[in-house]
């Protein structure tokens, strides 16, 4: 089976972990500081705060920016649950917007129709590694005096019109979960250009203080360990080459897949292809699921991201009317695009998918 994702951990990562273990300093320390400084090259030199997960990055960014109980934050429903969980954990209310059919990203026109006096922020998700229409969201934010956040969990090294994911708005949040384009084993990064938000995030991640035993606010234990940071520091040196390989693999799939809708890339965008997500146009969920069964039977790992929109989950059951989301969730399949794929595996993926599409 060709795996849908394949984390790459090599001798350099193992040596980095061993270095930390031999140092005896495993909690948040010099490796975390260095990782923050080195990751900044990917976000225009913005301030970086490492935490223990992408969800923590989202959650702390909201709290640090002043999002509170009763506030509304507009987010897509076509995303992983953490997008809305982080809003709710801050005490605010996630309001679900529909998506653009081509990019799978939050639709600015629909977002603007959802704004109320309680709306305080908008958080687009750069789903699958394709940056949302951030220029438009910045305009909407200025027009309505709203804070703009980025859920960049899947968008390492993606860009739009020369600006990298993480360079818009008040704060952005990245994930280093094992299947992301780069990993620290587990972890996340908050990125901001606001010194006050940075300081609050540093306090909130560390029991409410930046100086030992001088706790200024009620905080959390959301620290990243030096073990995880050491892995991340090695991966920082490799992720550019991996991203180029993902783009090469995606270009091959674009050119050779038949009978499916391949990923759209907006002019001026560089997709980072965390996922390569195809659509079987007009498919029912039953037909799509049958296609997945047949693709896997052909030795190609694949999955649906995400089979249930957040607004239909028991935790967020709502009456939002999101017709594009409801339609596309029935049609999408993510197939392998990771940098470990060989040419033979790429050819197998194309052969299997093209054959399956003719049979459903």
Protein backbone atom coordinates (compact mmCIF):
# COMPACT_ATOMS: atom_id res chain seq x y z
CA UNK A 1 0.00 0.00 0.00
CA UNK A 2 1.32 3.43 -0.94
CA UNK A 3 0.68 5.42 2.26
CA UNK A 4 -1.44 8.55 2.09
CA UNK A 5 1.24 10.29 4.19
CA UNK A 6 4.73 9.30 5.25
CA UNK A 7 6.54 11.31 7.96
CA UNK A 8 10.25 11.60 7.20
CA UNK A 9 12.48 11.11 10.23
CA UNK A 10 16.16 10.54 9.54
CA UNK A 11 19.48 10.19 11.31
CA UNK A 12 19.78 13.97 11.78
CA UNK A 13 16.52 14.10 13.75
CA UNK A 14 17.58 11.13 15.87
CA UNK A 15 20.94 12.76 16.57
CA UNK A 16 19.23 16.01 17.56
CA UNK A 17 17.00 14.19 20.04
CA UNK A 18 20.00 12.36 21.46
CA UNK A 19 21.84 15.68 21.83
CA UNK A 20 18.99 17.05 23.95
CA UNK A 21 18.73 13.91 26.04
CA UNK A 22 22.45 14.02 26.76
CA UNK A 23 22.22 17.69 27.71
CA UNK A 24 19.79 16.93 30.53
CA UNK A 25 17.66 19.94 29.58
CA UNK A 26 14.46 18.63 28.06
CA UNK A 27 11.78 21.20 28.95
CA UNK A 28 11.34 24.50 27.11
CA UNK A 29 14.86 25.86 26.70
CA UNK A 30 17.50 26.88 24.16
CA UNK A 31 16.29 24.49 21.45
CA UNK A 32 12.81 26.05 21.57
CA UNK A 33 14.26 29.56 21.32
CA UNK A 34 16.42 28.54 18.36
CA UNK A 35 13.50 26.81 16.64
CA UNK A 36 11.40 29.98 16.97
CA UNK A 37 14.18 32.09 15.47
CA UNK A 38 14.80 29.67 12.60
CA UNK A 39 11.13 29.23 11.71
CA UNK A 40 10.81 33.01 11.39
CA UNK A 41 12.54 32.83 7.98
CA UNK A 42 9.35 31.28 6.58
CA UNK A 43 7.01 34.02 7.84
CA UNK A 44 8.77 37.23 6.86
CA UNK A 45 10.71 37.47 10.11
CA UNK A 46 7.60 37.78 12.26
CA UNK A 47 7.68 36.91 15.97
CA UNK A 48 7.31 33.16 16.60
CA UNK A 49 6.13 31.43 19.79
CA UNK A 50 6.44 27.63 19.92
CA UNK A 51 3.79 25.61 21.75
CA UNK A 52 2.85 21.97 22.22
CA UNK A 53 0.28 21.65 19.40
CA UNK A 54 -1.38 23.45 16.55
CA UNK A 55 -4.61 23.59 18.57
CA UNK A 56 -2.78 25.32 21.42
CA UNK A 57 -1.39 27.81 18.91
CA UNK A 58 -4.90 28.68 17.73
CA UNK A 59 -6.33 28.83 21.25
CA UNK A 60 -3.60 31.02 22.76
CA UNK A 61 -3.61 33.39 19.78
CA UNK A 62 -7.33 34.06 20.31
CA UNK A 63 -6.90 34.65 24.04
CA UNK A 64 -3.84 36.86 23.58
CA UNK A 65 -5.66 39.01 21.02
CA UNK A 66 -8.59 39.56 23.37
CA UNK A 67 -11.22 37.23 21.94
CA UNK A 68 -13.62 36.49 24.79
CA UNK A 69 -16.98 35.02 25.78
CA UNK A 70 -19.84 36.16 23.57
CA UNK A 71 -17.64 37.23 20.67
CA UNK A 72 -18.29 35.70 17.25
CA UNK A 73 -15.46 34.43 15.06
CA UNK A 74 -16.23 33.46 11.46
CA UNK A 75 -14.53 30.24 10.35
CA UNK A 76 -15.07 27.62 7.64
CA UNK A 77 -16.92 24.42 8.45
CA UNK A 78 -14.91 22.59 5.77
CA UNK A 79 -11.92 22.01 8.06
CA UNK A 80 -10.63 19.94 10.96
CA UNK A 81 -12.54 20.33 14.23
CA UNK A 82 -9.63 22.14 15.91
CA UNK A 83 -10.47 25.25 13.87
CA UNK A 84 -13.78 25.67 15.70
CA UNK A 85 -12.67 24.01 18.94
CA UNK A 86 -10.10 26.75 19.50
CA UNK A 87 -12.77 29.43 19.12
CA UNK A 88 -15.05 27.69 21.61
CA UNK A 89 -12.18 27.10 24.05
CA UNK A 90 -11.61 30.85 24.10
CA UNK A 91 -15.27 31.22 25.13
CA UNK A 92 -16.32 32.66 21.77
CA UNK A 93 -18.86 31.41 19.24
CA UNK A 94 -17.74 29.93 15.90
CA UNK A 95 -19.91 31.17 13.04
CA UNK A 96 -19.55 28.94 10.00
CA UNK A 97 -19.02 30.39 6.54
CA UNK A 98 -19.31 28.61 3.22
CA UNK A 99 -16.37 27.97 0.91
CA UNK A 100 -15.23 28.76 -2.60
CA UNK A 101 -15.87 25.79 -4.89
CA UNK A 102 -12.46 25.94 -6.61
CA UNK A 103 -10.09 26.47 -3.67
CA UNK A 104 -12.02 24.86 -0.76
CA UNK A 105 -11.27 28.05 1.18
CA UNK A 106 -13.60 30.43 3.04
CA UNK A 107 -15.71 32.53 0.65
CA UNK A 108 -15.21 36.26 1.40
CA UNK A 109 -18.63 37.23 0.01
CA UNK A 110 -20.41 34.78 2.28
CA UNK A 111 -18.28 35.87 5.23
CA UNK A 112 -19.28 39.50 4.79
CA UNK A 113 -22.96 38.52 4.83
CA UNK A 114 -22.46 36.87 8.25
CA UNK A 115 -21.01 39.88 10.07
CA UNK A 116 -23.05 41.11 13.05
CA UNK A 117 -22.32 43.56 15.89
CA UNK A 118 -20.96 40.57 17.84
CA UNK A 119 -18.45 39.59 15.15
CA UNK A 120 -14.91 40.28 16.36
CA UNK A 121 -12.71 38.22 14.04
CA UNK A 122 -12.40 36.15 10.88
CA UNK A 123 -10.14 33.11 10.64
CA UNK A 124 -9.69 31.64 7.16
CA UNK A 125 -8.06 28.21 6.91
CA UNK A 126 -5.45 27.65 4.21
CA UNK A 127 -6.93 24.24 3.53
CA UNK A 128 -4.67 21.57 2.04
CA UNK A 129 -1.87 24.16 1.68
CA UNK A 130 -3.62 26.73 -0.56
CA UNK A 131 -3.76 30.23 0.90
CA UNK A 132 -7.21 31.77 1.26
CA UNK A 133 -8.07 35.10 -0.35
CA UNK A 134 -6.21 37.01 2.35
CA UNK A 135 -6.05 40.34 0.52
CA UNK A 136 -9.84 40.38 0.42
CA UNK A 137 -10.11 39.33 4.06
CA UNK A 138 -7.77 42.14 5.05
CA UNK A 139 -10.08 44.58 3.24
CA UNK A 140 -13.13 43.16 5.03
CA UNK A 141 -11.31 43.33 8.36
CA UNK A 142 -10.45 46.99 7.88
CA UNK A 143 -13.94 47.85 6.68
CA UNK A 144 -15.66 46.26 9.69
CA UNK A 145 -12.91 46.72 12.30
CA UNK A 146 -12.34 42.97 12.69
CA UNK A 147 -9.26 41.03 13.74
CA UNK A 148 -7.86 38.65 11.11
CA UNK A 149 -6.29 35.34 12.10
CA UNK A 150 -4.82 32.61 9.89
CA UNK A 151 -5.23 28.89 10.47
CA UNK A 152 -2.04 27.97 8.62
CA UNK A 153 -1.76 24.47 10.10
CA UNK A 154 -1.42 22.93 6.62
CA UNK A 155 0.31 25.77 4.79
CA UNK A 156 4.03 25.72 5.58
CA UNK A 157 5.80 27.64 2.76
CA UNK A 158 2.62 28.40 0.84
CA UNK A 159 2.46 31.93 -0.54
CA UNK A 160 0.15 34.40 -2.25
CA UNK A 161 1.43 37.34 -4.31
CA UNK A 162 4.84 37.06 -2.67
CA UNK A 163 3.57 36.95 0.92
CA UNK A 164 4.01 33.76 2.88
CA UNK A 165 1.39 32.00 4.94
CA UNK A 166 1.66 33.60 8.36
CA UNK A 167 2.27 37.14 7.10
CA UNK A 168 -1.33 38.39 7.31
CA UNK A 169 -3.41 39.67 10.18
CA UNK A 170 -2.81 39.74 13.90
CA UNK A 171 -1.69 36.13 14.31
CA UNK A 172 -1.28 32.88 12.44
CA UNK A 173 -1.02 29.34 13.76
CA UNK A 174 0.97 26.42 12.33
CA UNK A 175 0.94 22.73 13.24
CA UNK A 176 3.85 20.29 13.40
CA UNK A 177 1.76 17.14 13.74
CA UNK A 178 3.61 14.08 12.34
CA UNK A 179 1.79 14.09 8.98
CA UNK A 180 2.25 17.82 8.30
CA UNK A 181 4.74 19.06 5.68
CA UNK A 182 7.28 19.34 8.48
CA UNK A 183 7.05 17.95 11.98
CA UNK A 184 8.52 18.32 15.44
CA UNK A 185 6.88 15.06 16.50
CA UNK A 186 4.03 17.19 17.85
CA UNK A 187 3.82 20.92 18.29
CA UNK A 188 2.64 24.25 16.97
CA UNK A 189 3.83 27.79 16.29
CA UNK A 190 2.08 31.11 16.84
CA UNK A 191 3.24 33.84 14.46
CA UNK A 192 2.45 37.52 15.07
CA UNK A 193 3.65 41.04 14.30
CA UNK A 194 2.11 42.40 17.51
CA UNK A 195 4.47 42.70 20.49
CA UNK A 196 1.62 42.64 23.02
CA UNK A 197 0.13 39.48 21.51
CA UNK A 198 3.56 37.88 21.51
CA UNK A 199 4.13 38.69 25.18
CA UNK A 200 0.71 37.40 26.20
CA UNK A 201 1.22 34.17 24.23
CA UNK A 202 4.56 33.61 25.95
CA UNK A 203 2.87 34.06 29.33
CA UNK A 204 -0.17 31.95 28.53
CA UNK A 205 1.89 28.97 27.33
CA UNK A 206 3.96 28.96 30.54
CA UNK A 207 1.49 29.07 33.45
CA UNK A 208 1.00 32.82 33.00
CA UNK A 209 4.54 34.10 33.28
CA UNK A 210 7.78 34.58 31.38
CA UNK A 211 9.94 34.88 34.50
CA UNK A 212 10.14 31.88 36.82
CA UNK A 213 7.62 32.07 39.68
CA UNK A 214 6.41 35.51 38.58
CA UNK A 215 3.04 34.50 37.18
CA UNK A 216 1.24 37.57 35.86
CA UNK A 217 -1.95 35.96 34.48
CA UNK A 218 -3.74 32.63 34.74
CA UNK A 219 -2.09 30.48 32.08
CA UNK A 220 -1.62 26.97 30.76
CA UNK A 221 1.14 24.42 30.40
CA UNK A 222 1.34 24.59 26.62
CA UNK A 223 5.12 24.57 26.38
CA UNK A 224 7.05 22.83 23.63
CA UNK A 225 9.86 20.58 24.86
CA UNK A 226 13.44 20.93 23.68
CA UNK A 227 13.16 17.39 22.33
CA UNK A 228 10.38 18.40 19.95
CA UNK A 229 12.09 21.67 19.06
CA UNK A 230 15.31 19.85 18.19
CA UNK A 231 13.41 17.70 15.68
CA UNK A 232 11.74 20.81 14.28
CA UNK A 233 15.08 22.57 13.84
CA UNK A 234 16.34 19.76 11.63
CA UNK A 235 13.13 19.74 9.61
CA UNK A 236 13.39 23.49 9.02
CA UNK A 237 16.51 22.75 6.95
CA UNK A 238 14.66 20.19 4.80
CA UNK A 239 11.14 21.50 4.30
CA UNK A 240 11.98 23.71 1.30
CA UNK A 241 13.24 20.74 -0.72
CA UNK A 242 10.31 18.61 0.43
CA UNK A 243 7.87 21.31 -0.63
CA UNK A 244 9.40 21.52 -4.09
CA UNK A 245 9.08 17.73 -4.39
CA UNK A 246 5.42 17.94 -3.37
CA UNK A 247 4.88 20.53 -6.11
CA UNK A 248 6.64 18.34 -8.67
CA UNK A 249 4.50 15.37 -7.66
CA UNK A 250 1.36 17.51 -7.86
CA UNK A 251 2.33 18.71 -11.36
CA UNK A 252 2.68 15.09 -12.50
CA UNK A 253 -0.72 14.21 -11.07
CA UNK A 254 -2.27 17.33 -12.66
CA UNK A 255 -0.96 16.32 -16.06
CA UNK A 256 -1.96 12.67 -15.96
CA UNK A 257 -5.16 12.21 -13.95
CA UNK A 258 -8.34 11.89 -16.00
CA UNK A 259 -12.02 12.20 -15.14
CA UNK A 260 -11.53 14.07 -11.86
CA UNK A 261 -11.23 17.72 -10.86
CA UNK A 262 -7.61 18.32 -9.84
CA UNK A 263 -6.61 21.03 -7.31
CA UNK A 264 -7.06 24.60 -8.47
CA UNK A 265 -4.23 27.06 -7.82
CA UNK A 266 -5.21 30.71 -7.77
CA UNK A 267 -2.99 33.01 -9.93
CA UNK A 268 -0.20 34.39 -7.77
CA UNK A 269 -0.38 31.43 -5.38
CA UNK A 270 2.18 28.79 -4.54
CA UNK A 271 0.40 25.74 -3.14
CA UNK A 272 2.29 23.69 -0.55
CA UNK A 273 0.19 20.54 -1.16
CA UNK A 274 -0.21 19.27 2.35
CA UNK A 275 -2.94 17.25 0.67
CA UNK A 276 -3.59 16.64 -3.01
CA UNK A 277 -7.37 16.64 -3.06
CA UNK A 278 -9.33 15.62 -6.13
CA UNK A 279 -13.07 15.87 -6.71
CA UNK A 280 -15.37 13.44 -8.43
CA UNK A 281 -17.71 16.07 -9.81
CA UNK A 282 -21.36 15.42 -8.96
CA UNK A 283 -20.65 12.24 -6.99
CA UNK A 284 -22.82 11.07 -4.15
CA UNK A 285 -21.08 10.23 -0.90
CA UNK A 286 -21.84 6.55 -1.63
CA UNK A 287 -20.12 6.73 -5.03
CA UNK A 288 -17.16 8.57 -3.54
CA UNK A 289 -16.82 5.99 -0.76
CA UNK A 290 -16.93 3.20 -3.35
CA UNK A 291 -14.14 4.94 -5.24
CA UNK A 292 -12.06 5.08 -2.06
CA UNK A 293 -12.61 1.36 -1.51
CA UNK A 294 -11.45 0.57 -5.05
CA UNK A 295 -8.46 2.93 -4.92
CA UNK A 296 -7.27 1.29 -1.70
CA UNK A 297 -7.81 -2.13 -3.25
CA UNK A 298 -5.40 -0.97 -5.97
CA UNK A 299 -2.72 -0.35 -3.35
CA UNK A 300 -3.07 3.42 -3.04
CA UNK A 301 -3.76 4.97 0.34
CA UNK A 302 -6.34 7.75 0.35
CA UNK A 303 -8.82 9.43 2.67
CA UNK A 304 -11.45 12.14 3.02
CA UNK A 305 -10.54 15.43 4.68
CA UNK A 306 -13.06 15.94 6.17
CA UNK A 307 -16.03 13.51 5.95
CA UNK A 308 -18.31 15.56 8.23
CA UNK A 309 -18.33 19.37 8.12
CA UNK A 310 -17.74 20.87 11.55
CA UNK A 311 -21.21 22.40 11.71
CA UNK A 312 -22.66 18.87 11.40
CA UNK A 313 -20.56 17.39 14.21
CA UNK A 314 -22.39 16.67 17.49
CA UNK A 315 -20.12 19.15 19.25
CA UNK A 316 -21.21 22.02 16.97
CA UNK A 317 -24.54 20.92 15.53
CA UNK A 318 -26.01 24.04 13.94
CA UNK A 319 -28.53 25.25 11.39
CA UNK A 320 -26.00 26.99 9.16
CA UNK A 321 -26.91 26.75 5.45
CA UNK A 322 -23.65 25.93 3.65
CA UNK A 323 -24.60 24.45 0.27
CA UNK A 324 -21.13 24.41 -1.30
CA UNK A 325 -19.64 22.77 1.78
CA UNK A 326 -22.42 20.17 1.83
CA UNK A 327 -21.86 19.40 -1.85
CA UNK A 328 -18.08 19.21 -1.90
CA UNK A 329 -17.79 17.07 1.22
CA UNK A 330 -19.40 14.29 -0.85
CA UNK A 331 -16.93 14.61 -3.72
CA UNK A 332 -13.43 14.95 -2.26
CA UNK A 333 -10.68 12.34 -1.99
CA UNK A 334 -7.10 13.11 -0.94
CA UNK A 335 -4.46 10.94 -2.60
CA UNK A 336 -0.70 10.69 -1.91
CA UNK A 337 1.51 13.63 -2.87
CA UNK A 338 4.20 13.42 -0.18
CA UNK A 339 7.88 13.84 -1.10
CA UNK A 340 8.79 10.18 -0.51
CA UNK A 341 6.85 9.01 -3.58
CA UNK A 342 8.86 7.32 -6.30
CA UNK A 343 8.13 7.70 -10.01
CA UNK A 344 6.78 4.15 -10.01
CA UNK A 345 4.41 5.00 -7.18
CA UNK A 346 3.21 8.14 -8.96
CA UNK A 347 2.49 6.07 -12.05
CA UNK A 348 0.60 3.52 -9.94
CA UNK A 349 -1.49 6.27 -8.33
CA UNK A 350 -2.45 7.66 -11.74
CA UNK A 351 -3.21 4.24 -13.19
CA UNK A 352 -5.39 3.19 -10.26
CA UNK A 353 -7.32 6.45 -9.94
CA UNK A 354 -7.96 6.72 -13.68
CA UNK A 355 -9.20 3.14 -13.78
CA UNK A 356 -11.48 3.56 -10.76
CA UNK A 357 -13.12 6.72 -12.09
CA UNK A 358 -14.26 4.82 -15.19
CA UNK A 359 -15.90 2.16 -12.98
CA UNK A 360 -18.11 4.24 -10.68
